[in-house]
Structures are given as C-alpha cells and as structure tokens.
Amino acid sequence: MPLIISIYLFMSNSAFARSLKATADKLAQETNRIGMGVALFGLCLAGIYFMLGKQDAATKMTQALMGVAILILSPSILTFIKGLA
C-alpha cells in the first residue's frame, strides 16, 4: 500500500506554484477535470434512466447536457466576463 501511495505522489502534478495566480490556475484545471468526471457520470445516469423508462429521463438528459455544455464553455464564459470589465 505505501508503494501505491508513493507512486501516486511521484506521478501526480503538484498543485503548488510560485504565485497565487498560478496556484489558482492549477486549482481551476483540477476542478475542470473533476467536473468532467461528474458530467460523464450524469450522462451515464441519464442514459440508464432512459433504458429503465423513467418518466423524468428527458429532463435528466437535458440537465446533464446543459451541464456538460456549460462546463466545456466555462473558459470562454470567463474570458467574456473578464472582457466586460
């Protein structure tokens, strides 16, 4: 078990950086990866709802797709908002 933990720590990217902005950028990258994992889980769950014939399957799929779209477009949305100021 300690071998697995040491390999993980050796192979993982460091979240620490030299400046506060670089640290925030690294955190944003990790958050985006976690968000994509959750989005894929939501899409799978909506697909399972469709296969089971649930009444709210279309609503779940629409919400999952909108979440994926917002997650993918989030960098563009942020640059647009920063451009307004």
Protein backbone atom coordinates (compact mmCIF):
# COMPACT_ATOMS: atom_id res chain seq x y z
CA MET A 1 0.00 0.00 0.00
CA PRO A 2 2.74 2.56 0.77
CA LEU A 3 4.22 1.75 -2.65
CA ILE A 4 0.97 2.72 -4.38
CA ILE A 5 0.75 5.96 -2.42
CA SER A 6 4.36 6.86 -3.20
CA ILE A 7 3.84 6.14 -6.92
CA TYR A 8 0.74 8.34 -6.90
CA LEU A 9 2.59 11.19 -5.21
CA PHE A 10 5.52 10.80 -7.59
CA MET A 11 3.37 10.77 -10.74
CA SER A 12 0.78 13.40 -9.81
CA ASN A 13 1.15 17.05 -10.76
CA SER A 14 1.99 19.39 -7.96
CA ALA A 15 -0.81 21.77 -7.07
CA PHE A 16 1.64 24.20 -5.52
CA ALA A 17 3.04 27.05 -7.56
CA ARG A 18 5.22 30.09 -7.03
CA SER A 19 2.45 32.67 -7.16
CA LEU A 20 -1.15 32.94 -6.07
CA LYS A 21 -2.36 33.27 -9.66
CA ALA A 22 -0.51 30.13 -10.73
CA THR A 23 -1.97 28.26 -7.75
CA ALA A 24 -5.48 29.41 -8.73
CA ASP A 25 -4.89 28.31 -12.34
CA LYS A 26 -3.76 24.86 -11.20
CA LEU A 27 -6.81 24.56 -8.96
CA ALA A 28 -9.07 25.55 -11.85
CA GLN A 29 -7.55 22.84 -14.05
CA GLU A 30 -8.14 20.20 -11.41
CA THR A 31 -11.69 21.43 -10.83
CA ASN A 32 -12.37 21.20 -14.55
CA ARG A 33 -11.18 17.56 -14.59
CA ILE A 34 -13.37 16.67 -11.63
CA GLY A 35 -16.31 18.43 -13.30
CA MET A 36 -15.87 16.42 -16.48
CA GLY A 37 -15.92 13.20 -14.46
CA VAL A 38 -19.13 14.23 -12.73
CA ALA A 39 -20.62 15.28 -16.08
CA LEU A 40 -19.87 11.90 -17.62
CA PHE A 41 -21.42 10.19 -14.60
CA GLY A 42 -24.54 12.36 -15.06
CA LEU A 43 -24.79 11.41 -18.72
CA CYS A 44 -24.48 7.72 -17.86
CA LEU A 45 -27.14 8.07 -15.19
CA ALA A 46 -29.49 9.84 -17.62
CA GLY A 47 -28.91 7.05 -20.15
CA ILE A 48 -29.79 4.47 -17.51
CA TYR A 49 -32.98 6.41 -16.77
CA PHE A 50 -33.86 6.22 -20.47
CA MET A 51 -33.22 2.47 -20.54
CA LEU A 52 -35.40 1.94 -17.45
CA GLY A 53 -38.21 4.03 -18.92
CA LYS A 54 -38.40 6.59 -16.14
CA GLN A 55 -40.80 9.50 -16.63
CA ASP A 56 -38.22 12.22 -15.96
CA ALA A 57 -35.49 10.74 -18.19
CA ALA A 58 -35.75 13.54 -20.76
CA THR A 59 -35.41 16.17 -18.03
CA LYS A 60 -32.35 14.43 -16.58
CA MET A 61 -30.72 14.16 -20.01
CA THR A 62 -31.40 17.82 -20.77
CA GLN A 63 -29.92 18.88 -17.44
CA ALA A 64 -26.86 16.67 -17.97
CA LEU A 65 -26.26 18.00 -21.47
CA MET A 66 -26.65 21.60 -20.33
CA GLY A 67 -24.18 20.96 -17.52
CA VAL A 68 -21.66 19.49 -19.97
CA ALA A 69 -22.11 22.45 -22.31
CA ILE A 70 -21.57 24.97 -19.52
CA LEU A 71 -18.54 23.05 -18.28
CA ILE A 72 -16.97 22.93 -21.74
CA LEU A 73 -17.74 26.60 -22.42
CA SER A 74 -16.62 27.84 -18.99
CA PRO A 75 -13.21 29.17 -20.17
CA SER A 76 -14.92 31.16 -22.92
CA ILE A 77 -17.54 32.46 -20.50
CA LEU A 78 -14.82 33.59 -18.09
CA THR A 79 -12.85 35.40 -20.79
CA PHE A 80 -16.05 37.11 -21.96
CA ILE A 81 -16.83 38.29 -18.42
CA LYS A 82 -13.24 39.49 -17.94
CA GLY A 83 -13.51 41.40 -21.23
CA LEU A 84 -16.53 43.32 -19.98
CA ALA A 85 -14.65 44.88 -17.11
